[in-house]
Structures are given as C-alpha cells and as structure tokens.
Amino acid sequence: MTTEITAYEKVKLARSSTRATTADYIKGVTDKFIELHGDRRFGDDSAVIGGIGTICGMPITVIGTEKGHDMGERMARKFGCASPEGYRKALRLVKQAEKFSRPVLFFVDIQGANPGAGAEERGIAEAIAENLYEFGAVKTPMLTIVIGEGGSGGALALSVADEIWMLENAYYSVIAPESCASILFKEPSRASEVAEYLKMTAPDLNGFGVVERIIGEPSDFTDDNAVAKFMSDLKVQIAEKFAQLKKTSVKKLVARRYDKYRRIGKYTEL
C-alpha cells in the first residue's frame, strides 16, 4: 500500500477476517506439509498449527497461531488465543527440529494468549516463560513473521528467533491500544490516539532494531493472483534467509540471537 495510514488503521487491517492466516501461509509457502499434534502432556491446541514441511526443497518446521476466517472457524480455533498446550506443542516441535537440524519458521497472528481460568490452571505464564528461555539457545536457525496481530506475551512466546519480519500492516505490541487506553485514560475510545504512542507498527519497530524486515503486502487479500504472487515471493525470501543462516556456525548463531535480545532490552536514560 502506498497511501499513508495511521497506526490504528493498521491495527484494524491486521484484524481483518479477509487477511491471510497461518494456514494460508503454510499452503502458500511450503511445498509439502504434515501437521503434528499434541504437547505430550495435556492435549492439542487448535489455536496453534505445527508440523513439518519443505520450502524450495529444504525441510523445515513450521509453527503458527491460527485464527480462522469465518465465525465457525474462529470459534474452533479459539480466535487464535493459544493455550499452554499450544506453547508446549511449539516447544516440542522446536526441540525436534533442533535434533534434526531443521530451520524453524514461526507465523504470529494473536491478540494475546488465552486468558481463561483453564489456561491459568495449566500454567500459561510458565509455558510462555519456558519458550522464551528455551528458544534463546536452540541450535538451529529460527525466523518469525508477524502476519497480523502480535499481541503481548502470546506473540513473544513464538518470537525469540534469529530475525523477526513483519507485514507492513501488522502490529507487534505489549498491549492492544484499546486495553492501553482503558488503563491509562479509562477511555477505550482513545485507542487511535494511544496506538500512535505505543510505536507498534512495522516502521517503528524496524527503526528500533526489533524487526529486521518489513514485508510489502497485497492491497487486497481476496485477490487470488496478487496473493499467489506475494506468497511465491515470500517463499523465495524465506528460503534464501534460511540458506544464509544455515551457513552460520551454531555457536555464532546462538550468540547473535542472545545479543539481539540483550540489545532490545537495554535501558538508556534520556
């Protein structure tokens, strides 16, 4: 898109039901895909898709949060709000990928992790924290692409990677603008104003060094030809990045990932 739009307009675009979801990206960028289920502890989380595929002939592990498109799909997918078993499934598949030296590709589209009582009882915070800890030291290349919403710890748990890419109209933030406006001003209606303060868009985060690449996206995700071209181009970019990362020694790969997140968390007084 060439027309300049506000941060909150991008948030609304990121939430559009016509936008491509993780399942669409898996179909568009992988040549073959076999879905794997379960965390081997409690059950399977329908909000998280994970499995093994190939991209330009390269075996990879793919994991992402899935919202669905229509109301029936969204209810079945729990609106993409991952539960503890979803994050533990992701960890299981990442460890499996590490064992077989397969690169890992994450797709993130989540407003936030499941806030329900059941998720709390099963340790949602611990599951997110474990992923943050474990992914930092995984000895295989990892790439995260924020394709829509990137909300809070729910997104961060799949975003400890060697690089983070964002679609141009996605967002990535510690909190949704409506929630932030409710907390700070007691006025959810000020969400559009707060969205500017949060610096949650791809250009903002690229400027801060949080995101390495901004991906141009189709102006209309219902245009099959435009989406097919977009997916084809993205597939090549992903394959090239993994080929580059695979040339890096494991020791250097892990050290660079660690340094990346240390820099992001650095506090400097004005």
Protein backbone atom coordinates (compact mmCIF):
# COMPACT_ATOMS: atom_id res chain seq x y z
CA MET A 1 0.00 0.00 0.00
CA THR A 2 1.34 3.43 -0.92
CA THR A 3 -1.22 5.62 0.91
CA GLU A 4 -0.05 6.65 4.38
CA ILE A 5 -2.40 5.37 7.05
CA THR A 6 -2.47 5.78 10.82
CA ALA A 7 -1.23 3.24 13.36
CA TYR A 8 -4.78 2.40 14.44
CA GLU A 9 -5.91 1.92 10.85
CA LYS A 10 -3.09 -0.61 10.53
CA VAL A 11 -4.35 -2.34 13.68
CA LYS A 12 -7.78 -2.67 12.09
CA LEU A 13 -6.26 -4.02 8.88
CA ALA A 14 -4.24 -6.54 10.93
CA ARG A 15 -7.51 -7.83 12.41
CA SER A 16 -9.39 -8.16 9.11
CA SER A 17 -11.14 -11.50 8.62
CA THR A 18 -10.15 -11.48 4.94
CA ARG A 19 -6.45 -11.37 5.78
CA ALA A 20 -4.36 -14.49 5.13
CA THR A 21 -3.94 -16.67 8.22
CA THR A 22 -1.19 -19.10 9.21
CA ALA A 23 -2.95 -21.95 7.37
CA ASP A 24 -2.97 -19.85 4.20
CA TYR A 25 0.73 -19.08 4.56
CA ILE A 26 1.59 -22.73 5.13
CA LYS A 27 -0.29 -23.62 1.95
CA GLY A 28 1.31 -20.73 0.08
CA VAL A 29 4.98 -21.06 1.03
CA THR A 30 5.51 -24.77 1.74
CA ASP A 31 5.64 -27.45 -0.93
CA LYS A 32 4.59 -30.24 1.43
CA PHE A 33 3.25 -30.05 4.97
CA ILE A 34 2.42 -32.69 7.57
CA GLU A 35 0.69 -31.38 10.70
CA LEU A 36 1.74 -32.79 14.06
CA HIS A 37 -0.45 -32.63 17.15
CA GLY A 38 -0.25 -32.57 20.93
CA ASP A 39 2.14 -31.43 23.64
CA ARG A 40 2.58 -34.94 25.16
CA ARG A 41 1.42 -33.52 28.49
CA PHE A 42 -2.22 -32.48 28.28
CA GLY A 43 -3.63 -32.33 24.76
CA ASP A 44 -3.68 -30.50 21.46
CA ASP A 45 -4.35 -26.79 21.00
CA SER A 46 -6.36 -25.96 17.87
CA ALA A 47 -5.15 -22.34 18.06
CA VAL A 48 -1.59 -23.45 17.19
CA ILE A 49 -0.71 -25.25 13.96
CA GLY A 50 2.64 -27.04 13.87
CA GLY A 51 4.32 -29.56 11.65
CA ILE A 52 7.00 -30.40 9.11
CA GLY A 53 7.15 -29.11 5.56
CA THR A 54 9.53 -28.25 2.77
CA ILE A 55 10.32 -24.91 1.21
CA CYS A 56 12.20 -24.90 -2.09
CA GLY A 57 13.22 -28.46 -1.25
CA MET A 58 14.51 -27.58 2.24
CA PRO A 59 12.89 -29.44 5.19
CA ILE A 60 11.66 -27.03 7.85
CA THR A 61 9.44 -26.99 10.92
CA VAL A 62 6.50 -24.56 10.71
CA ILE A 63 4.55 -23.31 13.74
CA GLY A 64 1.94 -20.58 13.92
CA THR A 65 -1.16 -19.28 15.63
CA GLU A 66 -4.33 -19.76 13.60
CA LYS A 67 -7.48 -17.61 13.91
CA GLY A 68 -9.59 -18.93 11.06
CA HIS A 69 -11.70 -16.74 8.75
CA ASP A 70 -15.43 -17.13 9.43
CA MET A 71 -17.09 -17.33 12.83
CA GLY A 72 -17.24 -21.13 12.81
CA GLU A 73 -13.51 -21.43 12.13
CA ARG A 74 -12.67 -18.74 14.65
CA MET A 75 -14.61 -20.45 17.42
CA ALA A 76 -12.99 -23.79 16.58
CA ARG A 77 -9.57 -22.12 16.66
CA LYS A 78 -10.36 -20.23 19.89
CA PHE A 79 -9.85 -16.99 17.93
CA GLY A 80 -6.15 -17.81 17.76
CA CYS A 81 -5.63 -17.38 21.52
CA ALA A 82 -3.03 -20.03 22.32
CA SER A 83 -3.27 -22.14 25.48
CA PRO A 84 -0.40 -23.68 27.49
CA GLU A 85 -0.56 -26.88 25.47
CA GLY A 86 -0.15 -24.84 22.28
CA TYR A 87 3.08 -23.30 23.50
CA ARG A 88 4.29 -26.66 24.81
CA LYS A 89 3.49 -28.22 21.44
CA ALA A 90 5.57 -25.47 19.84
CA LEU A 91 8.46 -26.19 22.21
CA ARG A 92 8.25 -29.93 21.49
CA LEU A 93 8.39 -29.32 17.74
CA VAL A 94 11.25 -26.82 18.03
CA LYS A 95 13.28 -29.32 20.06
CA GLN A 96 12.53 -31.94 17.43
CA ALA A 97 13.69 -29.52 14.71
CA GLU A 98 16.88 -28.86 16.64
CA LYS A 99 17.58 -32.61 16.84
CA PHE A 100 17.34 -32.96 13.05
CA SER A 101 18.89 -29.55 12.22
CA ARG A 102 15.71 -28.25 10.57
CA PRO A 103 15.17 -24.47 10.45
CA VAL A 104 12.05 -23.24 12.27
CA LEU A 105 9.53 -20.82 10.78
CA PHE A 106 7.01 -19.12 13.08
CA PHE A 107 3.89 -17.27 11.94
CA VAL A 108 2.42 -14.92 14.55
CA ASP A 109 -1.16 -13.63 14.49
CA ILE A 110 -2.52 -13.42 18.02
CA GLN A 111 -4.21 -10.72 20.07
CA GLY A 112 -2.95 -12.36 23.25
CA ALA A 113 -2.56 -15.70 24.97
CA ASN A 114 -5.65 -17.48 26.32
CA PRO A 115 -6.72 -15.60 29.50
CA GLY A 116 -9.19 -18.23 30.71
CA ALA A 117 -9.22 -19.99 34.07
CA GLY A 118 -8.28 -23.33 32.49
CA ALA A 119 -5.21 -21.82 30.83
CA GLU A 120 -4.18 -20.29 34.15
CA GLU A 121 -4.65 -23.59 35.94
CA ARG A 122 -2.48 -25.38 33.38
CA GLY A 123 0.31 -22.80 33.64
CA ILE A 124 0.03 -20.35 30.72
CA ALA A 125 2.61 -17.96 32.18
CA GLU A 126 5.06 -20.78 32.84
CA ALA A 127 4.60 -22.16 29.31
CA ILE A 128 5.33 -18.76 27.76
CA ALA A 129 8.33 -18.21 30.02
CA GLU A 130 9.72 -21.66 29.20
CA ASN A 131 9.57 -20.90 25.48
CA LEU A 132 11.35 -17.58 25.96
CA TYR A 133 14.09 -19.33 27.90
CA GLU A 134 14.47 -22.37 25.67
CA PHE A 135 14.23 -20.70 22.25
CA GLY A 136 17.10 -18.39 23.03
CA ALA A 137 19.53 -21.32 22.97
CA VAL A 138 18.08 -23.52 20.21
CA LYS A 139 20.86 -24.69 17.90
CA THR A 140 19.08 -24.27 14.58
CA PRO A 141 18.00 -21.20 12.55
CA MET A 142 14.67 -19.63 13.50
CA LEU A 143 12.61 -16.95 11.75
CA THR A 144 9.42 -15.28 12.97
CA ILE A 145 6.98 -13.49 10.65
CA VAL A 146 4.25 -11.33 12.23
CA ILE A 147 1.41 -11.63 9.71
CA GLY A 148 -1.36 -9.80 11.57
CA GLU A 149 -1.69 -9.14 15.27
CA GLY A 150 1.34 -9.53 17.51
CA GLY A 151 -0.09 -9.14 20.98
CA SER A 152 1.86 -9.26 24.23
CA GLY A 153 3.42 -12.44 25.64
CA GLY A 154 1.18 -14.53 23.42
CA ALA A 155 3.17 -13.30 20.42
CA LEU A 156 6.53 -13.07 22.17
CA ALA A 157 6.47 -16.78 23.03
CA LEU A 158 6.88 -17.52 19.30
CA SER A 159 9.18 -14.60 18.57
CA VAL A 160 12.54 -15.47 20.09
CA ALA A 161 14.19 -16.01 16.72
CA ASP A 162 17.25 -15.00 14.73
CA GLU A 163 15.17 -12.47 12.81
CA ILE A 164 11.66 -11.05 13.05
CA TRP A 165 9.87 -9.91 9.91
CA MET A 166 6.57 -8.03 9.83
CA LEU A 167 3.99 -7.41 7.16
CA GLU A 168 3.61 -3.70 6.54
CA ASN A 169 0.14 -3.53 8.12
CA ALA A 170 0.77 -5.90 11.03
CA TYR A 171 1.39 -4.73 14.58
CA TYR A 172 3.55 -6.03 17.42
CA SER A 173 2.95 -4.62 20.89
CA VAL A 174 2.95 -5.31 24.61
CA ILE A 175 -0.76 -4.42 24.73
CA ALA A 176 -3.68 -3.73 22.40
CA PRO A 177 -4.44 0.01 22.01
CA GLU A 178 -7.98 -0.38 23.39
CA SER A 179 -6.69 -2.03 26.55
CA CYS A 180 -3.96 0.57 26.95
CA ALA A 181 -6.45 3.42 26.54
CA SER A 182 -8.72 1.79 29.15
CA ILE A 183 -5.87 1.52 31.66
CA LEU A 184 -4.25 4.91 31.11
CA PHE A 185 -7.25 7.12 30.37
CA LYS A 186 -10.28 4.99 31.35
CA GLU A 187 -11.46 5.71 27.81
CA PRO A 188 -11.25 2.86 25.25
CA SER A 189 -12.40 5.38 22.64
CA ARG A 190 -8.92 6.92 22.73
CA ALA A 191 -7.42 3.77 21.20
CA SER A 192 -6.49 5.53 17.96
CA GLU A 193 -4.52 8.13 19.92
CA VAL A 194 -2.80 5.51 22.07
CA ALA A 195 -1.83 3.43 19.03
CA GLU A 196 0.50 6.26 17.96
CA TYR A 197 2.15 6.37 21.40
CA LEU A 198 2.74 2.61 21.52
CA LYS A 199 5.03 2.62 18.45
CA MET A 200 3.62 -0.73 17.42
CA THR A 201 3.88 -0.59 13.63
CA ALA A 202 6.47 -2.24 11.40
CA PRO A 203 8.34 1.02 10.55
CA ASP A 204 8.54 1.96 14.25
CA LEU A 205 9.88 -1.45 15.28
CA ASN A 206 12.26 -1.66 12.35
CA GLY A 207 13.69 1.69 13.44
CA PHE A 208 14.19 0.38 16.97
CA GLY A 209 16.00 -2.73 15.71
CA VAL A 210 13.28 -5.08 16.98
CA VAL A 211 12.24 -6.11 13.46
CA GLU A 212 14.73 -6.84 10.70
CA ARG A 213 12.48 -6.69 7.64
CA ILE A 214 9.19 -5.10 6.57
CA ILE A 215 7.28 -7.15 4.02
CA GLY A 216 5.08 -5.39 1.49
CA GLU A 217 1.67 -7.00 1.29
CA PRO A 218 -1.17 -7.22 -1.24
CA SER A 219 -3.65 -4.37 -1.12
CA ASP A 220 -6.43 -6.96 -1.19
CA PHE A 221 -6.01 -10.44 0.28
CA THR A 222 -9.09 -11.60 -1.63
CA ASP A 223 -7.25 -11.05 -4.93
CA ASP A 224 -6.07 -14.61 -5.67
CA ASN A 225 -3.50 -13.58 -8.29
CA ALA A 226 -1.92 -10.92 -6.08
CA VAL A 227 -1.81 -13.28 -3.09
CA ALA A 228 -0.25 -16.07 -5.18
CA LYS A 229 2.49 -13.69 -6.37
CA PHE A 230 3.01 -12.46 -2.80
CA MET A 231 3.33 -15.99 -1.42
CA SER A 232 5.71 -17.02 -4.20
CA ASP A 233 8.00 -14.06 -3.50
CA LEU A 234 7.85 -14.65 0.25
CA LYS A 235 8.74 -18.32 -0.20
CA VAL A 236 11.94 -17.33 -2.01
CA GLN A 237 12.85 -14.76 0.65
CA ILE A 238 12.38 -17.30 3.44
CA ALA A 239 14.40 -19.97 1.64
CA GLU A 240 17.22 -17.51 0.99
CA LYS A 241 17.30 -16.39 4.63
CA PHE A 242 17.40 -19.95 5.94
CA ALA A 243 20.15 -20.85 3.47
CA GLN A 244 22.14 -17.87 4.76
CA LEU A 245 21.53 -18.70 8.43
CA LYS A 246 22.46 -22.36 7.91
CA LYS A 247 25.92 -21.25 6.80
CA THR A 248 26.47 -19.64 10.21
CA SER A 249 28.14 -21.76 12.89
CA VAL A 250 25.83 -22.90 15.70
CA LYS A 251 27.93 -21.09 18.28
CA LYS A 252 27.76 -17.80 16.38
CA LEU A 253 24.06 -18.25 15.60
CA VAL A 254 23.10 -18.65 19.26
CA ALA A 255 25.43 -15.86 20.38
CA ARG A 256 23.95 -13.42 17.86
CA ARG A 257 20.41 -14.32 18.92
CA TYR A 258 21.32 -13.73 22.56
CA ASP A 259 22.93 -10.38 21.74
CA LYS A 260 19.88 -9.32 19.71
CA TYR A 261 17.55 -9.67 22.67
CA ARG A 262 20.01 -8.13 25.09
CA ARG A 263 20.10 -5.05 22.86
CA ILE A 264 16.32 -4.86 22.66
CA GLY A 265 16.06 -4.95 26.45
CA LYS A 266 18.75 -2.35 27.06
CA TYR A 267 17.60 0.67 29.05
CA THR A 268 19.13 4.07 28.37
CA GLU A 269 18.28 7.21 30.34
CA LEU A 270 17.39 10.25 28.27
